[in-house]
Amino acid sequence: MNKLLLFFIFIQSVAICQNGTDKQIARQGQVTFFSYTSAENIEAVNNQAYSILDTETNEIAVDILMKAFVFKKKLMREHFNESYIESDLYPKAKFRGKIVGFDPSQEGSQTRMIEGMFTLKDTTVPLAFKVTIERKSTSYKIIGDAEVLLENYDIKIPKLLSPNIAKNIQVSFNFEFKPYEK
C-alpha cells in the first residue's frame, strides 16, 4: 500500500513540475507606440506590460496597463488617458493569441506569426503580426510590432485635431520570458 501511495505521489509531483515549466512569464515587458503627425510626433513607452507564454499550447496573453504609458509631454499623457483611451473606464488593453508554427525546443531565433484578439476600450478586434522569438536555454525573448487602426476601437478624435493625429498607430513590443515559478 505504501509503495502504491509513493508511486502516485511521484507521478503527481512530476505532472506538477512539468506544468510549471510549460509556462513562461514576462513581468515587465516593454510596449511602445508611435504616431507620425505633421504637427508633432506622438510617442509613449510602457515598461509595465505583463505577459504569459504557454510553450505547450503556443498561446500567449498580454495585459497592458494604460496609465503606465510615459509621454514626453504631460499634456499628451492627459489627453491620452482622459480623452482618447479613457483609462479610468478602460484601465487595460489585452491581447490573447497563439504563435503559429512555433517550436519552443528550437534554440536560436525563429520568425513567426501571432494571431489573436486585441481588446482596447472593451472593443475586441482580430490582430495578426510577425514576431522574432529568441530562445536561450530556458528563457524566450519575443520582439515585434503591429499596426493598430484607431477607428476599430471607437477612439474619437475631435475634427479640429484629426489632421494632426495619424489613423494608424505603430505598436512595438519586447518581452523577456522566464520560467514561471509558483
N, C-alpha and C. Protein backbone atom coordinates (compact mmCIF):
# COMPACT_ATOMS: atom_id res chain seq x y z
N MET A 1 0.83 -1.20 0.00
CA MET A 1 0.00 0.00 0.00
C MET A 1 0.87 1.25 0.00
N ASN A 2 1.92 1.26 0.85
CA ASN A 2 2.80 2.43 0.93
C ASN A 2 3.52 2.67 -0.40
N LYS A 3 3.93 1.58 -1.09
CA LYS A 3 4.62 1.74 -2.37
C LYS A 3 3.68 2.33 -3.42
N LEU A 4 2.43 1.90 -3.40
CA LEU A 4 1.45 2.43 -4.34
C LEU A 4 1.19 3.92 -4.07
N LEU A 5 1.09 4.29 -2.82
CA LEU A 5 0.88 5.68 -2.45
C LEU A 5 2.09 6.52 -2.88
N LEU A 6 3.30 6.04 -2.65
CA LEU A 6 4.51 6.75 -3.08
C LEU A 6 4.55 6.90 -4.60
N PHE A 7 4.13 5.86 -5.31
CA PHE A 7 4.11 5.93 -6.76
C PHE A 7 3.17 7.05 -7.24
N PHE A 8 1.96 7.13 -6.66
CA PHE A 8 1.01 8.18 -7.05
C PHE A 8 1.53 9.57 -6.68
N ILE A 9 2.17 9.70 -5.55
CA ILE A 9 2.75 10.99 -5.17
C ILE A 9 3.85 11.38 -6.15
N PHE A 10 4.67 10.42 -6.55
CA PHE A 10 5.73 10.69 -7.52
C PHE A 10 5.15 11.15 -8.86
N ILE A 11 4.14 10.44 -9.36
CA ILE A 11 3.50 10.80 -10.64
C ILE A 11 2.89 12.19 -10.55
N GLN A 12 2.21 12.50 -9.44
CA GLN A 12 1.60 13.82 -9.27
C GLN A 12 2.66 14.91 -9.24
N SER A 13 3.77 14.68 -8.55
CA SER A 13 4.81 15.72 -8.47
C SER A 13 5.48 15.94 -9.83
N VAL A 14 5.65 14.89 -10.61
CA VAL A 14 6.20 15.04 -11.96
C VAL A 14 5.25 15.86 -12.81
N ALA A 15 3.96 15.59 -12.72
CA ALA A 15 2.97 16.34 -13.50
C ALA A 15 2.96 17.80 -13.10
N ILE A 16 3.05 18.09 -11.82
CA ILE A 16 3.07 19.48 -11.35
C ILE A 16 4.32 20.18 -11.85
N CYS A 17 5.45 19.53 -11.77
CA CYS A 17 6.71 20.13 -12.24
C CYS A 17 6.65 20.40 -13.74
N GLN A 18 6.10 19.48 -14.50
CA GLN A 18 6.00 19.69 -15.94
C GLN A 18 5.08 20.85 -16.27
N ASN A 19 3.97 20.98 -15.55
CA ASN A 19 3.06 22.10 -15.81
C ASN A 19 3.74 23.42 -15.54
N GLY A 20 4.58 23.51 -14.54
CA GLY A 20 5.28 24.75 -14.22
C GLY A 20 6.25 25.16 -15.31
N THR A 21 6.91 24.19 -15.97
CA THR A 21 7.91 24.54 -16.97
C THR A 21 7.29 24.91 -18.31
N ASP A 22 6.02 24.60 -18.53
CA ASP A 22 5.37 24.97 -19.79
C ASP A 22 5.01 26.44 -19.82
N LYS A 23 4.93 27.08 -18.68
CA LYS A 23 4.53 28.47 -18.59
C LYS A 23 5.77 29.35 -18.44
N GLN A 24 5.77 30.43 -19.24
CA GLN A 24 6.82 31.43 -19.18
C GLN A 24 6.15 32.76 -18.84
N ILE A 25 6.86 33.61 -18.11
CA ILE A 25 6.26 34.87 -17.68
C ILE A 25 7.21 36.04 -17.98
N ALA A 26 6.63 37.14 -18.41
CA ALA A 26 7.36 38.40 -18.58
C ALA A 26 6.63 39.42 -17.72
N ARG A 27 7.25 39.81 -16.63
CA ARG A 27 6.59 40.71 -15.68
C ARG A 27 6.74 42.19 -16.04
N GLN A 28 7.77 42.53 -16.79
CA GLN A 28 7.99 43.93 -17.14
C GLN A 28 8.33 44.06 -18.62
N GLY A 29 7.38 43.66 -19.45
CA GLY A 29 7.57 43.81 -20.88
C GLY A 29 7.47 45.27 -21.28
N GLN A 30 8.05 45.58 -22.42
CA GLN A 30 8.01 46.95 -22.91
C GLN A 30 7.10 47.04 -24.14
N VAL A 31 6.18 47.98 -24.09
CA VAL A 31 5.31 48.28 -25.22
C VAL A 31 5.45 49.76 -25.51
N THR A 32 5.69 50.09 -26.78
CA THR A 32 5.77 51.50 -27.18
C THR A 32 4.80 51.73 -28.33
N PHE A 33 4.35 52.95 -28.46
CA PHE A 33 3.59 53.28 -29.65
C PHE A 33 4.07 54.59 -30.22
N PHE A 34 3.91 54.71 -31.53
CA PHE A 34 4.40 55.87 -32.26
C PHE A 34 3.36 56.27 -33.29
N SER A 35 3.14 57.57 -33.38
CA SER A 35 2.22 58.11 -34.37
C SER A 35 2.88 59.32 -35.00
N TYR A 36 3.08 59.24 -36.31
CA TYR A 36 3.66 60.37 -37.04
C TYR A 36 2.55 61.36 -37.35
N THR A 37 2.78 62.63 -37.07
CA THR A 37 1.83 63.68 -37.45
C THR A 37 2.61 64.85 -38.01
N SER A 38 1.91 65.67 -38.78
CA SER A 38 2.56 66.84 -39.36
C SER A 38 2.90 67.88 -38.30
N ALA A 39 2.11 67.94 -37.24
CA ALA A 39 2.36 68.93 -36.19
C ALA A 39 3.44 68.45 -35.21
N GLU A 40 3.27 67.24 -34.69
CA GLU A 40 4.21 66.72 -33.69
C GLU A 40 4.03 65.22 -33.57
N ASN A 41 5.12 64.49 -33.56
CA ASN A 41 5.03 63.04 -33.40
C ASN A 41 4.59 62.71 -31.98
N ILE A 42 3.82 61.66 -31.87
CA ILE A 42 3.34 61.21 -30.56
C ILE A 42 3.98 59.86 -30.28
N GLU A 43 4.64 59.77 -29.14
CA GLU A 43 5.34 58.55 -28.77
C GLU A 43 5.21 58.33 -27.27
N ALA A 44 5.03 57.07 -26.88
CA ALA A 44 4.93 56.73 -25.47
C ALA A 44 5.54 55.36 -25.22
N VAL A 45 6.02 55.16 -24.00
CA VAL A 45 6.66 53.90 -23.60
C VAL A 45 6.00 53.39 -22.33
N ASN A 46 5.77 52.09 -22.29
CA ASN A 46 5.20 51.43 -21.11
C ASN A 46 6.09 50.25 -20.77
N ASN A 47 6.69 50.27 -19.59
CA ASN A 47 7.58 49.19 -19.15
C ASN A 47 6.91 48.28 -18.12
N GLN A 48 5.59 48.31 -18.06
CA GLN A 48 4.86 47.52 -17.08
C GLN A 48 3.87 46.55 -17.72
N ALA A 49 4.13 46.15 -18.95
CA ALA A 49 3.25 45.17 -19.60
C ALA A 49 3.56 43.78 -19.05
N TYR A 50 2.55 42.99 -18.91
CA TYR A 50 2.65 41.66 -18.30
C TYR A 50 2.22 40.62 -19.33
N SER A 51 2.98 39.54 -19.45
CA SER A 51 2.64 38.53 -20.44
C SER A 51 2.94 37.13 -19.94
N ILE A 52 2.12 36.19 -20.39
CA ILE A 52 2.34 34.77 -20.10
C ILE A 52 2.37 34.02 -21.43
N LEU A 53 3.36 33.15 -21.57
CA LEU A 53 3.53 32.32 -22.75
C LEU A 53 3.43 30.87 -22.31
N ASP A 54 2.55 30.11 -22.95
CA ASP A 54 2.42 28.68 -22.67
C ASP A 54 3.12 27.94 -23.82
N THR A 55 4.28 27.36 -23.54
CA THR A 55 5.07 26.71 -24.59
C THR A 55 4.51 25.34 -24.99
N GLU A 56 3.54 24.85 -24.25
CA GLU A 56 2.91 23.59 -24.63
C GLU A 56 1.83 23.82 -25.69
N THR A 57 1.06 24.91 -25.53
CA THR A 57 -0.04 25.20 -26.46
C THR A 57 0.30 26.34 -27.43
N ASN A 58 1.44 27.00 -27.21
CA ASN A 58 1.87 28.17 -28.01
C ASN A 58 0.93 29.37 -27.86
N GLU A 59 0.17 29.39 -26.78
CA GLU A 59 -0.72 30.52 -26.53
C GLU A 59 0.03 31.61 -25.77
N ILE A 60 -0.35 32.86 -26.05
CA ILE A 60 0.27 34.00 -25.39
C ILE A 60 -0.83 34.96 -24.96
N ALA A 61 -0.65 35.54 -23.78
CA ALA A 61 -1.58 36.53 -23.24
C ALA A 61 -0.77 37.74 -22.79
N VAL A 62 -1.29 38.92 -23.10
CA VAL A 62 -0.61 40.17 -22.73
C VAL A 62 -1.64 41.11 -22.11
N ASP A 63 -1.28 41.72 -20.98
CA ASP A 63 -2.09 42.76 -20.35
C ASP A 63 -1.24 44.02 -20.27
N ILE A 64 -1.82 45.15 -20.70
CA ILE A 64 -1.09 46.42 -20.72
C ILE A 64 -1.88 47.43 -19.90
N LEU A 65 -1.27 47.92 -18.84
CA LEU A 65 -1.89 48.95 -18.01
C LEU A 65 -1.77 50.28 -18.73
N MET A 66 -2.90 50.88 -19.09
CA MET A 66 -2.90 52.05 -19.95
C MET A 66 -2.28 53.29 -19.28
N LYS A 67 -2.47 53.44 -17.99
CA LYS A 67 -1.92 54.62 -17.30
C LYS A 67 -0.40 54.53 -17.12
N ALA A 68 0.19 53.42 -17.47
CA ALA A 68 1.65 53.26 -17.32
C ALA A 68 2.42 53.80 -18.52
N PHE A 69 1.74 54.27 -19.56
CA PHE A 69 2.45 54.86 -20.69
C PHE A 69 3.04 56.20 -20.28
N VAL A 70 4.29 56.39 -20.64
CA VAL A 70 5.01 57.63 -20.32
C VAL A 70 5.24 58.40 -21.62
N PHE A 71 4.85 59.65 -21.61
CA PHE A 71 4.98 60.54 -22.76
C PHE A 71 6.04 61.61 -22.49
N LYS A 72 6.53 62.24 -23.55
CA LYS A 72 7.49 63.33 -23.39
C LYS A 72 6.83 64.55 -22.75
N LYS A 73 5.56 64.74 -23.05
CA LYS A 73 4.84 65.92 -22.53
C LYS A 73 3.67 65.49 -21.67
N LYS A 74 3.50 66.19 -20.57
CA LYS A 74 2.43 65.89 -19.62
C LYS A 74 1.05 66.03 -20.28
N LEU A 75 0.88 67.03 -21.14
CA LEU A 75 -0.40 67.26 -21.79
C LEU A 75 -0.79 66.09 -22.71
N MET A 76 0.20 65.49 -23.37
CA MET A 76 -0.08 64.32 -24.22
C MET A 76 -0.60 63.17 -23.36
N ARG A 77 0.01 62.98 -22.21
CA ARG A 77 -0.43 61.91 -21.31
C ARG A 77 -1.86 62.14 -20.83
N GLU A 78 -2.18 63.39 -20.48
CA GLU A 78 -3.53 63.71 -20.04
C GLU A 78 -4.55 63.44 -21.14
N HIS A 79 -4.26 63.91 -22.35
CA HIS A 79 -5.19 63.69 -23.46
C HIS A 79 -5.37 62.20 -23.74
N PHE A 80 -4.27 61.46 -23.73
CA PHE A 80 -4.31 60.02 -23.98
C PHE A 80 -5.22 59.33 -22.96
N ASN A 81 -4.98 59.57 -21.67
CA ASN A 81 -5.71 58.87 -20.61
C ASN A 81 -7.14 59.37 -20.43
N GLU A 82 -7.37 60.67 -20.57
CA GLU A 82 -8.69 61.22 -20.28
C GLU A 82 -9.60 61.26 -21.50
N SER A 83 -9.08 61.69 -22.63
CA SER A 83 -9.94 61.93 -23.80
C SER A 83 -10.02 60.75 -24.76
N TYR A 84 -8.88 60.12 -25.05
CA TYR A 84 -8.85 59.11 -26.11
C TYR A 84 -9.05 57.69 -25.59
N ILE A 85 -8.28 57.28 -24.61
CA ILE A 85 -8.36 55.91 -24.11
C ILE A 85 -9.35 55.77 -22.96
N GLU A 86 -9.60 56.84 -22.25
CA GLU A 86 -10.48 56.83 -21.08
C GLU A 86 -10.02 55.76 -20.09
N SER A 87 -8.81 55.93 -19.62
CA SER A 87 -8.14 54.92 -18.78
C SER A 87 -8.87 54.60 -17.48
N ASP A 88 -9.64 55.55 -16.95
CA ASP A 88 -10.39 55.25 -15.73
C ASP A 88 -11.50 54.22 -16.00
N LEU A 89 -12.09 54.30 -17.19
CA LEU A 89 -13.14 53.33 -17.56
C LEU A 89 -12.56 52.03 -18.12
N TYR A 90 -11.44 52.16 -18.85
CA TYR A 90 -10.82 51.02 -19.53
C TYR A 90 -9.34 50.97 -19.15
N PRO A 91 -9.02 50.47 -17.96
CA PRO A 91 -7.64 50.55 -17.46
C PRO A 91 -6.62 49.66 -18.17
N LYS A 92 -7.07 48.62 -18.88
CA LYS A 92 -6.14 47.69 -19.52
C LYS A 92 -6.48 47.45 -20.98
N ALA A 93 -5.45 47.21 -21.75
CA ALA A 93 -5.61 46.64 -23.08
C ALA A 93 -5.16 45.19 -22.94
N LYS A 94 -5.78 44.29 -23.73
CA LYS A 94 -5.46 42.87 -23.61
C LYS A 94 -5.27 42.26 -24.99
N PHE A 95 -4.34 41.33 -25.06
CA PHE A 95 -4.18 40.53 -26.26
C PHE A 95 -4.16 39.07 -25.86
N ARG A 96 -4.91 38.24 -26.58
CA ARG A 96 -4.92 36.80 -26.38
C ARG A 96 -4.73 36.17 -27.76
N GLY A 97 -3.71 35.33 -27.88
CA GLY A 97 -3.46 34.76 -29.20
C GLY A 97 -2.62 33.51 -29.16
N LYS A 98 -2.18 33.11 -30.34
CA LYS A 98 -1.41 31.89 -30.49
C LYS A 98 -0.29 32.14 -31.50
N ILE A 99 0.88 31.57 -31.21
CA ILE A 99 2.03 31.69 -32.10
C ILE A 99 1.94 30.55 -33.12
N VAL A 100 1.84 30.89 -34.38
CA VAL A 100 1.66 29.91 -35.44
C VAL A 100 3.00 29.28 -35.81
N GLY A 101 3.07 27.94 -35.75
CA GLY A 101 4.27 27.22 -36.15
C GLY A 101 5.46 27.35 -35.21
N PHE A 102 5.23 27.74 -33.99
CA PHE A 102 6.30 27.94 -33.02
C PHE A 102 6.82 26.62 -32.49
N ASP A 103 8.13 26.44 -32.49
CA ASP A 103 8.78 25.25 -31.92
C ASP A 103 9.56 25.70 -30.68
N PRO A 104 9.00 25.52 -29.49
CA PRO A 104 9.67 26.01 -28.28
C PRO A 104 10.99 25.31 -27.97
N SER A 105 11.26 24.16 -28.60
CA SER A 105 12.51 23.45 -28.32
C SER A 105 13.66 23.94 -29.21
N GLN A 106 13.35 24.73 -30.23
CA GLN A 106 14.38 25.19 -31.17
C GLN A 106 15.22 26.30 -30.56
N GLU A 107 16.53 26.07 -30.47
CA GLU A 107 17.46 27.09 -29.98
C GLU A 107 17.63 28.18 -31.03
N GLY A 108 17.99 29.37 -30.60
CA GLY A 108 18.25 30.44 -31.54
C GLY A 108 17.01 31.24 -31.86
N SER A 109 16.94 31.74 -33.08
CA SER A 109 15.90 32.68 -33.49
C SER A 109 14.90 32.05 -34.45
N GLN A 110 13.63 32.41 -34.29
CA GLN A 110 12.55 31.99 -35.18
C GLN A 110 11.71 33.22 -35.53
N THR A 111 11.28 33.32 -36.76
CA THR A 111 10.33 34.36 -37.15
C THR A 111 8.99 33.68 -37.34
N ARG A 112 7.99 34.14 -36.62
CA ARG A 112 6.67 33.51 -36.65
C ARG A 112 5.57 34.57 -36.68
N MET A 113 4.37 34.12 -36.95
CA MET A 113 3.18 34.99 -36.89
C MET A 113 2.44 34.69 -35.60
N ILE A 114 1.89 35.74 -35.01
CA ILE A 114 0.99 35.59 -33.87
C ILE A 114 -0.38 36.07 -34.34
N GLU A 115 -1.38 35.25 -34.10
CA GLU A 115 -2.76 35.59 -34.46
C GLU A 115 -3.60 35.55 -33.20
N GLY A 116 -4.44 36.56 -33.04
CA GLY A 116 -5.28 36.58 -31.86
C GLY A 116 -6.26 37.72 -31.86
N MET A 117 -6.70 38.08 -30.66
CA MET A 117 -7.69 39.12 -30.48
C MET A 117 -7.13 40.19 -29.54
N PHE A 118 -7.22 41.45 -29.99
CA PHE A 118 -6.74 42.59 -29.21
C PHE A 118 -7.95 43.37 -28.71
N THR A 119 -7.98 43.62 -27.40
CA THR A 119 -9.09 44.35 -26.79
C THR A 119 -8.59 45.68 -26.25
N LEU A 120 -9.23 46.74 -26.71
CA LEU A 120 -8.93 48.10 -26.26
C LEU A 120 -10.27 48.81 -26.11
N LYS A 121 -10.50 49.41 -24.96
CA LYS A 121 -11.76 50.11 -24.69
C LYS A 121 -12.96 49.18 -24.87
N ASP A 122 -12.87 47.97 -24.41
CA ASP A 122 -13.95 46.98 -24.48
C ASP A 122 -14.36 46.61 -25.91
N THR A 123 -13.48 46.91 -26.87
CA THR A 123 -13.72 46.52 -28.25
C THR A 123 -12.64 45.51 -28.63
N THR A 124 -13.06 44.35 -29.11
CA THR A 124 -12.14 43.28 -29.44
C THR A 124 -12.11 43.09 -30.96
N VAL A 125 -10.88 43.11 -31.51
CA VAL A 125 -10.68 43.03 -32.95
C VAL A 125 -9.58 42.01 -33.23
N PRO A 126 -9.71 41.19 -34.28
CA PRO A 126 -8.62 40.27 -34.64
C PRO A 126 -7.36 41.05 -35.01
N LEU A 127 -6.21 40.50 -34.63
CA LEU A 127 -4.94 41.14 -34.91
C LEU A 127 -3.91 40.06 -35.19
N ALA A 128 -3.14 40.23 -36.26
CA ALA A 128 -2.06 39.29 -36.60
C ALA A 128 -0.82 40.11 -36.91
N PHE A 129 0.35 39.60 -36.49
CA PHE A 129 1.59 40.33 -36.70
C PHE A 129 2.77 39.38 -36.63
N LYS A 130 3.89 39.80 -37.21
CA LYS A 130 5.10 38.99 -37.25
C LYS A 130 5.97 39.32 -36.03
N VAL A 131 6.60 38.28 -35.48
CA VAL A 131 7.50 38.45 -34.34
C VAL A 131 8.79 37.67 -34.56
N THR A 132 9.80 38.06 -33.83
CA THR A 132 11.03 37.30 -33.75
C THR A 132 11.10 36.72 -32.34
N ILE A 133 11.34 35.42 -32.27
CA ILE A 133 11.42 34.73 -30.98
C ILE A 133 12.82 34.17 -30.84
N GLU A 134 13.48 34.54 -29.75
CA GLU A 134 14.82 34.02 -29.47
C GLU A 134 14.75 33.14 -28.23
N ARG A 135 15.31 31.94 -28.36
CA ARG A 135 15.36 31.04 -27.20
C ARG A 135 16.79 30.91 -26.74
N LYS A 136 16.98 31.10 -25.45
CA LYS A 136 18.28 30.89 -24.82
C LYS A 136 18.04 30.02 -23.59
N SER A 137 18.52 28.80 -23.63
CA SER A 137 18.37 27.87 -22.52
C SER A 137 16.89 27.70 -22.17
N THR A 138 16.46 28.24 -21.04
CA THR A 138 15.07 28.07 -20.61
C THR A 138 14.27 29.36 -20.71
N SER A 139 14.80 30.39 -21.37
CA SER A 139 14.07 31.65 -21.48
C SER A 139 13.83 32.01 -22.94
N TYR A 140 12.86 32.90 -23.16
CA TYR A 140 12.48 33.33 -24.50
C TYR A 140 12.39 34.85 -24.53
N LYS A 141 12.70 35.41 -25.69
CA LYS A 141 12.53 36.84 -25.92
C LYS A 141 11.68 36.98 -27.18
N ILE A 142 10.61 37.75 -27.08
CA ILE A 142 9.73 37.98 -28.23
C ILE A 142 9.72 39.47 -28.54
N ILE A 143 10.06 39.79 -29.78
CA ILE A 143 10.13 41.18 -30.24
C ILE A 143 9.29 41.30 -31.51
N GLY A 144 8.53 42.37 -31.62
CA GLY A 144 7.75 42.57 -32.83
C GLY A 144 7.03 43.90 -32.83
N ASP A 145 6.22 44.09 -33.84
CA ASP A 145 5.39 45.28 -33.89
C ASP A 145 4.11 44.98 -34.66
N ALA A 146 3.13 45.82 -34.43
CA ALA A 146 1.82 45.66 -35.05
C ALA A 146 1.27 47.05 -35.35
N GLU A 147 0.36 47.09 -36.29
CA GLU A 147 -0.30 48.34 -36.63
C GLU A 147 -1.73 48.28 -36.11
N VAL A 148 -2.12 49.32 -35.38
CA VAL A 148 -3.45 49.39 -34.79
C VAL A 148 -4.20 50.55 -35.44
N LEU A 149 -5.40 50.27 -35.94
CA LEU A 149 -6.23 51.30 -36.56
C LEU A 149 -7.16 51.91 -35.50
N LEU A 150 -7.08 53.20 -35.31
CA LEU A 150 -7.88 53.87 -34.27
C LEU A 150 -9.38 53.67 -34.47
N GLU A 151 -9.83 53.69 -35.71
CA GLU A 151 -11.26 53.58 -35.98
C GLU A 151 -11.85 52.25 -35.51
N ASN A 152 -11.01 51.21 -35.37
CA ASN A 152 -11.50 49.91 -34.91
C ASN A 152 -11.87 49.90 -33.43
N TYR A 153 -11.41 50.89 -32.67
CA TYR A 153 -11.56 50.85 -31.21
C TYR A 153 -12.36 52.02 -30.66
N ASP A 154 -13.16 52.65 -31.48
CA ASP A 154 -14.04 53.71 -31.03
C ASP A 154 -13.26 54.83 -30.31
N ILE A 155 -12.10 55.17 -30.84
CA ILE A 155 -11.33 56.28 -30.30
C ILE A 155 -11.72 57.51 -31.11
N LYS A 156 -12.35 58.43 -30.44
CA LYS A 156 -12.87 59.61 -31.12
C LYS A 156 -11.85 60.75 -31.06
N ILE A 157 -11.49 61.24 -32.23
CA ILE A 157 -10.56 62.36 -32.35
C ILE A 157 -11.39 63.58 -32.77
N PRO A 158 -11.30 64.69 -32.02
CA PRO A 158 -12.04 65.90 -32.43
C PRO A 158 -11.63 66.33 -33.85
N LYS A 159 -12.60 66.82 -34.62
CA LYS A 159 -12.34 67.18 -36.01
C LYS A 159 -11.22 68.21 -36.14
N LEU A 160 -11.12 69.10 -35.19
CA LEU A 160 -10.07 70.12 -35.22
C LEU A 160 -8.69 69.49 -35.13
N LEU A 161 -8.58 68.39 -34.37
CA LEU A 161 -7.28 67.73 -34.17
C LEU A 161 -7.03 66.58 -35.13
N SER A 162 -8.06 66.10 -35.81
CA SER A 162 -7.91 64.90 -36.64
C SER A 162 -6.81 65.00 -37.71
N PRO A 163 -6.54 66.17 -38.31
CA PRO A 163 -5.43 66.21 -39.27
C PRO A 163 -4.06 66.01 -38.60
N ASN A 164 -4.01 66.22 -37.29
CA ASN A 164 -2.74 66.13 -36.56
C ASN A 164 -2.50 64.77 -35.91
N ILE A 165 -3.44 63.85 -36.05
CA ILE A 165 -3.29 62.53 -35.42
C ILE A 165 -3.43 61.46 -36.49
N ALA A 166 -2.47 60.57 -36.55
CA ALA A 166 -2.48 59.50 -37.55
C ALA A 166 -3.64 58.55 -37.30
N LYS A 167 -4.14 57.95 -38.35
CA LYS A 167 -5.23 56.97 -38.25
C LYS A 167 -4.72 55.59 -37.84
N ASN A 168 -3.43 55.34 -38.12
CA ASN A 168 -2.78 54.07 -37.77
C ASN A 168 -1.69 54.36 -36.74
N ILE A 169 -1.63 53.54 -35.72
CA ILE A 169 -0.62 53.68 -34.68
C ILE A 169 0.30 52.47 -34.74
N GLN A 170 1.60 52.74 -34.76
CA GLN A 170 2.59 51.67 -34.79
C GLN A 170 2.90 51.26 -33.34
N VAL A 171 2.64 50.01 -33.00
CA VAL A 171 2.89 49.50 -31.65
C VAL A 171 4.04 48.50 -31.72
N SER A 172 5.07 48.71 -30.90
CA SER A 172 6.21 47.80 -30.83
C SER A 172 6.27 47.20 -29.44
N PHE A 173 6.84 46.01 -29.34
CA PHE A 173 6.91 45.36 -28.03
C PHE A 173 8.15 44.50 -27.91
N ASN A 174 8.53 44.28 -26.67
CA ASN A 174 9.71 43.49 -26.33
C ASN A 174 9.42 42.80 -25.00
N PHE A 175 9.32 41.48 -25.02
CA PHE A 175 9.05 40.71 -23.80
C PHE A 175 10.17 39.71 -23.57
N GLU A 176 10.67 39.67 -22.35
CA GLU A 176 11.66 38.68 -21.96
C GLU A 176 11.02 37.74 -20.96
N PHE A 177 10.81 36.50 -21.41
CA PHE A 177 10.12 35.50 -20.62
C PHE A 177 11.11 34.64 -19.85
N LYS A 178 10.72 34.30 -18.64
CA LYS A 178 11.46 33.37 -17.79
C LYS A 178 10.49 32.32 -17.30
N PRO A 179 10.98 31.13 -16.94
CA PRO A 179 10.06 30.08 -16.44
C PRO A 179 9.23 30.58 -15.28
N TYR A 180 7.95 30.27 -15.31
CA TYR A 180 7.04 30.66 -14.25
C TYR A 180 7.27 29.77 -13.04
N GLU A 181 7.43 30.42 -11.90
CA GLU A 181 7.60 29.68 -10.64
C GLU A 181 6.50 30.10 -9.70
N LYS A 182 5.83 29.10 -9.13
CA LYS A 182 4.74 29.38 -8.20
C LYS A 182 5.27 29.83 -6.87
